[in-house]
């Protein structure tokens, strides 16, 4: 198997773990969401801290907090804490269908942010894809009588986070370590209050199952990120865009088949529109990538002749 094949396997592995992580958070439904979030922060730092220390790169995370990009790191930390917390709450409280919808929508929200913030221009295909996504939200709002606020909140929090990460000049493991370092004091404070009985919770040590499961939150967060980053360096952008939709697809299947959440005809119509939008968006990305490769190849041949 070549580098591209191994890259695809790594990305599929990452998206499979992310997509089935809903099963883990549902199993932790007896633990308050903020306590799960605090444990996720602590154990993610433990995972990446050990990894970077072994690699001799932990100082890079500390330097990121002190350097010129520290404001972006602070902003990213705040956004990812909100996104993680909302996702955990959504899975625990029966909103997994909406959570999956949010992660379907977020790539198209990212496109819109690129237009507004970075001044990028939409192609005709991308414009139609964004329009279809907006139509899907309107259809679901009309059919259910209420906007899918959980899906929108997840999409409109994760998309800015990805935009900030794109602008950060740091490897993913280093930047995530810096973010959870900032969140660590709050996480430790909350866990201390929970263990002390000041707030509801204190589940670590209460029983063997929970005590073993909570540290897994760090592995579930850090492991897939390493696989995804490694794989992304070895596959084409269009391939990356297609495979990453495995994540919300597995989330949706878990919500409907395992958690037995309601999936109405309005959900089906909205999801069909979203899938159509993503197919169009991915096709447009493939077309642009192919055109760029063709242009680069032509330029290379011209340079050789000269």
Protein backbone atom coordinates (compact mmCIF):
# COMPACT_ATOMS: atom_id res chain seq x y z
CA UNK A 1 0.00 0.00 0.00
CA UNK A 2 1.30 3.43 -0.98
CA UNK A 3 1.46 6.62 1.06
CA UNK A 4 -1.92 7.80 -0.27
CA UNK A 5 -3.58 4.51 0.70
CA UNK A 6 -2.18 4.66 4.22
CA UNK A 7 -3.28 8.28 4.43
CA UNK A 8 -6.85 7.35 3.53
CA UNK A 9 -6.86 4.57 6.12
CA UNK A 10 -5.62 7.00 8.78
CA UNK A 11 -8.35 9.52 7.95
CA UNK A 12 -11.03 6.82 7.89
CA UNK A 13 -9.80 5.65 11.29
CA UNK A 14 -9.92 9.18 12.70
CA UNK A 15 -13.40 9.88 11.36
CA UNK A 16 -14.66 6.51 12.60
CA UNK A 17 -13.48 7.27 16.13
CA UNK A 18 -14.99 10.77 16.01
CA UNK A 19 -18.24 9.45 14.51
CA UNK A 20 -18.69 6.73 17.12
CA UNK A 21 -17.58 8.93 20.03
CA UNK A 22 -21.30 9.63 20.48
CA UNK A 23 -21.56 6.13 21.98
CA UNK A 24 -18.93 7.06 24.56
CA UNK A 25 -20.58 10.33 25.58
CA UNK A 26 -23.98 8.65 25.76
CA UNK A 27 -22.47 6.03 28.08
CA UNK A 28 -21.29 8.94 30.25
CA UNK A 29 -24.77 10.49 30.40
CA UNK A 30 -24.88 9.95 34.18
CA UNK A 31 -21.95 12.38 34.56
CA UNK A 32 -22.86 16.10 34.25
CA UNK A 33 -21.71 17.62 30.91
CA UNK A 34 -19.42 20.20 32.54
CA UNK A 35 -17.68 17.48 34.53
CA UNK A 36 -17.16 15.41 31.36
CA UNK A 37 -15.83 18.55 29.63
CA UNK A 38 -13.41 19.19 32.50
CA UNK A 39 -12.13 15.62 32.34
CA UNK A 40 -11.82 15.86 28.55
CA UNK A 41 -9.64 18.96 29.01
CA UNK A 42 -7.40 17.40 31.67
CA UNK A 43 -6.91 14.07 29.90
CA UNK A 44 -6.39 15.67 26.49
CA UNK A 45 -3.60 17.73 28.03
CA UNK A 46 -2.16 14.58 29.61
CA UNK A 47 -2.25 12.77 26.24
CA UNK A 48 -0.65 15.54 24.21
CA UNK A 49 1.62 16.65 27.04
CA UNK A 50 3.28 13.23 27.25
CA UNK A 51 3.44 12.96 23.45
CA UNK A 52 5.08 16.37 22.99
CA UNK A 53 7.41 15.85 25.94
CA UNK A 54 8.68 12.60 24.39
CA UNK A 55 9.17 14.42 21.09
CA UNK A 56 10.85 17.37 22.80
CA UNK A 57 8.16 19.77 21.53
CA UNK A 58 6.25 20.68 24.70
CA UNK A 59 8.11 23.98 24.92
CA UNK A 60 6.60 24.89 21.54
CA UNK A 61 3.12 24.87 23.09
CA UNK A 62 4.28 27.13 25.93
CA UNK A 63 6.00 29.44 23.44
CA UNK A 64 2.76 29.67 21.46
CA UNK A 65 1.03 31.07 24.56
CA UNK A 66 3.70 33.73 24.95
CA UNK A 67 4.23 34.64 21.31
CA UNK A 68 2.57 36.96 18.83
CA UNK A 69 -0.26 34.46 18.18
CA UNK A 70 -1.37 34.17 21.83
CA UNK A 71 -4.61 36.12 21.27
CA UNK A 72 -5.67 33.65 18.60
CA UNK A 73 -4.85 30.77 20.93
CA UNK A 74 -6.98 32.33 23.69
CA UNK A 75 -9.86 32.80 21.26
CA UNK A 76 -9.51 29.25 19.93
CA UNK A 77 -9.48 27.85 23.47
CA UNK A 78 -12.69 29.66 24.37
CA UNK A 79 -14.45 28.54 21.19
CA UNK A 80 -13.39 24.90 21.42
CA UNK A 81 -14.49 24.72 25.08
CA UNK A 82 -17.96 25.93 24.08
CA UNK A 83 -18.08 23.54 21.12
CA UNK A 84 -16.95 20.51 23.14
CA UNK A 85 -19.34 21.32 25.97
CA UNK A 86 -22.29 21.81 23.65
CA UNK A 87 -21.56 18.56 21.81
CA UNK A 88 -21.35 16.57 25.05
CA UNK A 89 -24.61 18.11 26.28
CA UNK A 90 -26.33 17.43 22.94
CA UNK A 91 -25.43 13.74 22.93
CA UNK A 92 -26.37 13.23 26.57
CA UNK A 93 -29.75 14.96 26.23
CA UNK A 94 -31.07 13.39 23.03
CA UNK A 95 -29.95 15.87 20.37
CA UNK A 96 -27.48 13.63 18.53
CA UNK A 97 -29.36 14.02 15.21
CA UNK A 98 -28.95 17.77 15.43
CA UNK A 99 -25.29 17.36 16.39
CA UNK A 100 -24.64 15.34 13.24
CA UNK A 101 -26.49 17.93 11.16
CA UNK A 102 -24.26 20.64 12.64
CA UNK A 103 -21.10 18.85 11.53
CA UNK A 104 -22.56 18.37 8.05
CA UNK A 105 -23.26 22.11 7.82
CA UNK A 106 -19.97 23.41 9.23
CA UNK A 107 -17.85 23.03 6.03
CA UNK A 108 -20.31 25.26 4.20
CA UNK A 109 -20.29 27.76 7.07
CA UNK A 110 -16.49 27.77 6.78
CA UNK A 111 -16.84 28.70 3.10
CA UNK A 112 -19.05 31.65 4.07
CA UNK A 113 -16.56 32.77 6.71
CA UNK A 114 -13.82 32.65 4.10
CA UNK A 115 -15.85 35.08 1.99
CA UNK A 116 -16.67 37.44 4.86
CA UNK A 117 -13.38 37.36 6.78
CA UNK A 118 -10.74 36.51 4.18
CA UNK A 119 -12.37 38.10 1.16
CA UNK A 120 -12.48 34.84 -0.79
CA UNK A 121 -14.87 34.51 -3.72
CA UNK A 122 -17.44 31.77 -4.13
CA UNK A 123 -17.64 29.84 -7.37
CA UNK A 124 -21.09 29.27 -8.82
CA UNK A 125 -21.14 25.69 -7.54
CA UNK A 126 -20.11 26.74 -4.03
CA UNK A 127 -22.80 29.41 -4.02
CA UNK A 128 -25.48 26.87 -4.94
CA UNK A 129 -24.17 24.49 -2.23
CA UNK A 130 -24.42 27.18 0.44
CA UNK A 131 -27.93 28.04 -0.79
CA UNK A 132 -28.99 24.41 -0.50
CA UNK A 133 -27.66 24.25 3.06
CA UNK A 134 -29.60 27.38 4.00
CA UNK A 135 -32.68 25.86 2.39
CA UNK A 136 -32.25 22.70 4.46
CA UNK A 137 -32.21 24.71 7.68
CA UNK A 138 -35.36 26.59 6.59
CA UNK A 139 -37.12 23.34 5.67
CA UNK A 140 -36.32 21.82 9.06
CA UNK A 141 -37.38 25.00 10.86
CA UNK A 142 -40.69 25.08 8.98
CA UNK A 143 -41.37 21.39 9.47
CA UNK A 144 -40.52 21.19 13.17
CA UNK A 145 -41.73 24.66 14.09
CA UNK A 146 -38.41 25.57 15.67
CA UNK A 147 -34.93 26.26 14.31
CA UNK A 148 -32.30 23.52 14.78
CA UNK A 149 -30.42 25.68 17.28
CA UNK A 150 -28.09 22.93 18.46
CA UNK A 151 -26.96 22.15 14.91
CA UNK A 152 -26.49 25.84 14.10
CA UNK A 153 -24.59 26.52 17.32
CA UNK A 154 -22.21 23.61 16.69
CA UNK A 155 -21.63 24.63 13.06
CA UNK A 156 -21.17 28.32 13.84
CA UNK A 157 -18.74 27.57 16.67
CA UNK A 158 -16.62 24.90 14.97
CA UNK A 159 -16.28 26.84 11.68
CA UNK A 160 -14.65 29.91 13.32
CA UNK A 161 -12.44 27.57 15.31
CA UNK A 162 -11.19 25.97 12.10
CA UNK A 163 -10.66 29.41 10.56
CA UNK A 164 -8.49 30.44 13.52
CA UNK A 165 -6.57 27.15 13.33
CA UNK A 166 -5.89 27.79 9.66
CA UNK A 167 -4.30 31.11 10.57
CA UNK A 168 -2.21 29.66 13.43
CA UNK A 169 1.34 28.88 12.40
CA UNK A 170 1.65 25.74 14.54
CA UNK A 171 1.13 21.97 14.19
CA UNK A 172 -2.28 20.71 15.35
CA UNK A 173 -0.92 18.82 18.38
CA UNK A 174 1.01 21.87 19.56
CA UNK A 175 -1.89 24.30 19.18
CA UNK A 176 -4.41 21.97 20.88
CA UNK A 177 -1.97 21.49 23.76
CA UNK A 178 -1.68 25.26 24.14
CA UNK A 179 -5.48 25.59 24.15
CA UNK A 180 -6.07 22.96 26.83
CA UNK A 181 -3.24 24.45 28.90
CA UNK A 182 -5.26 27.66 29.02
CA UNK A 183 -8.41 25.75 29.97
CA UNK A 184 -6.69 23.61 32.60
CA UNK A 185 -7.18 25.96 35.61
CA UNK A 186 -10.93 26.15 34.98
CA UNK A 187 -11.14 22.38 34.49
CA UNK A 188 -9.24 21.64 37.69
CA UNK A 189 -11.35 24.17 39.62
CA UNK A 190 -14.60 22.60 38.42
CA UNK A 191 -13.42 19.06 39.19
CA UNK A 192 -12.35 20.20 42.64
CA UNK A 193 -15.81 21.68 43.29
CA UNK A 194 -17.46 18.51 41.99
CA UNK A 195 -15.31 16.14 44.03
CA UNK A 196 -15.85 18.34 47.09
CA UNK A 197 -19.62 18.23 46.71
CA UNK A 198 -19.96 21.98 46.09
CA UNK A 199 -21.58 21.32 42.70
CA UNK A 200 -23.35 18.20 41.44
CA UNK A 201 -21.01 15.48 40.24
CA UNK A 202 -17.78 14.10 41.57
CA UNK A 203 -18.06 10.84 39.66
CA UNK A 204 -14.33 10.09 39.37
CA UNK A 205 -13.67 7.35 41.91
CA UNK A 206 -17.37 6.73 42.51
CA UNK A 207 -17.32 3.44 40.60
CA UNK A 208 -14.81 1.48 38.55
CA UNK A 209 -16.62 1.85 35.22
CA UNK A 210 -16.80 5.65 35.33
CA UNK A 211 -13.30 6.03 36.75
CA UNK A 212 -11.82 4.01 33.88
CA UNK A 213 -13.99 5.61 31.20
CA UNK A 214 -13.42 9.29 31.97
CA UNK A 215 -9.66 9.25 31.13
CA UNK A 216 -10.55 7.77 27.72
CA UNK A 217 -11.89 11.20 26.74
CA UNK A 218 -8.30 12.34 26.22
CA UNK A 219 -7.51 9.41 23.93
CA UNK A 220 -10.76 9.88 21.99
CA UNK A 221 -9.84 13.53 21.43
CA UNK A 222 -6.11 13.26 20.78
CA UNK A 223 -5.78 9.94 18.95
CA UNK A 224 -8.01 10.79 15.97
CA UNK A 225 -6.43 14.22 15.62
CA UNK A 226 -2.99 12.65 15.16
CA UNK A 227 -4.36 10.14 12.63
CA UNK A 228 -6.21 12.86 10.73
CA UNK A 229 -3.21 15.22 10.63
CA UNK A 230 -0.91 12.41 9.47
CA UNK A 231 -3.35 11.26 6.80
CA UNK A 232 -4.15 14.78 5.56
CA UNK A 233 -0.51 15.25 4.58
CA UNK A 234 -0.70 12.23 2.27
CA UNK A 235 -3.98 12.58 0.37
CA UNK A 236 -5.45 15.04 -2.06
CA UNK A 237 -7.70 17.81 -0.77
CA UNK A 238 -10.74 16.45 -2.63
CA UNK A 239 -10.25 13.01 -1.05
CA UNK A 240 -9.91 14.58 2.38
CA UNK A 241 -13.14 16.52 1.87
CA UNK A 242 -15.11 13.42 0.93
CA UNK A 243 -13.82 11.04 3.62
CA UNK A 244 -14.36 13.47 6.50
CA UNK A 245 -18.15 13.28 6.01
CA UNK A 246 -17.92 9.78 7.47
CA UNK A 247 -17.86 11.45 10.90
CA UNK A 248 -21.34 13.07 10.88
CA UNK A 249 -22.76 10.10 8.95
CA UNK A 250 -21.78 7.73 11.77
CA UNK A 251 -23.13 10.24 14.29
CA UNK A 252 -26.49 10.30 12.49
CA UNK A 253 -26.65 6.50 12.25
CA UNK A 254 -25.86 6.16 15.95
CA UNK A 255 -28.55 8.70 16.83
CA UNK A 256 -31.27 6.95 14.83
CA UNK A 257 -30.33 3.27 15.08
CA UNK A 258 -28.78 3.09 18.57
CA UNK A 259 -30.27 6.01 20.53
CA UNK A 260 -33.65 5.75 18.75
CA UNK A 261 -33.97 9.51 18.37
CA UNK A 262 -36.83 10.87 16.28
CA UNK A 263 -36.10 11.18 12.56
CA UNK A 264 -39.09 12.63 10.72
CA UNK A 265 -39.77 13.22 7.04
CA UNK A 266 -38.67 16.82 7.58
CA UNK A 267 -35.32 15.56 8.89
CA UNK A 268 -35.01 13.31 5.83
CA UNK A 269 -35.72 16.22 3.47
CA UNK A 270 -33.23 18.50 5.23
CA UNK A 271 -30.52 15.84 5.31
CA UNK A 272 -31.08 15.08 1.60
CA UNK A 273 -30.57 18.77 0.79
CA UNK A 274 -27.44 18.88 2.94
CA UNK A 275 -26.02 15.77 1.26
CA UNK A 276 -26.76 17.33 -2.13
CA UNK A 277 -25.01 20.52 -1.05
CA UNK A 278 -21.97 18.60 0.19
CA UNK A 279 -21.81 16.53 -3.00
CA UNK A 280 -21.86 19.71 -5.08
CA UNK A 281 -19.30 21.35 -2.79
CA UNK A 282 -16.98 18.33 -2.99
CA UNK A 283 -17.36 18.14 -6.78
CA UNK A 284 -16.46 21.80 -7.03
CA UNK A 285 -13.41 21.24 -4.82
CA UNK A 286 -12.33 18.32 -7.02
CA UNK A 287 -12.79 20.42 -10.16
CA UNK A 288 -10.73 23.31 -8.75
CA UNK A 289 -7.98 20.97 -7.57
CA UNK A 290 -7.83 19.29 -10.97
CA UNK A 291 -7.64 22.68 -12.71
CA UNK A 292 -4.83 23.76 -10.36
CA UNK A 293 -2.85 20.56 -11.07
CA UNK A 294 -3.36 21.03 -14.80
CA UNK A 295 -2.15 24.63 -14.60
CA UNK A 296 0.90 23.60 -12.57
CA UNK A 297 1.68 20.82 -15.04
CA UNK A 298 1.43 23.22 -17.97
CA UNK A 299 3.68 25.72 -16.21
CA UNK A 300 6.21 22.95 -15.53
CA UNK A 301 6.29 21.89 -19.16
CA UNK A 302 6.70 25.51 -20.26
CA UNK A 303 9.60 25.94 -17.87
CA UNK A 304 11.27 22.79 -19.19
CA UNK A 305 11.01 23.97 -22.80
CA UNK A 306 12.50 27.31 -21.93
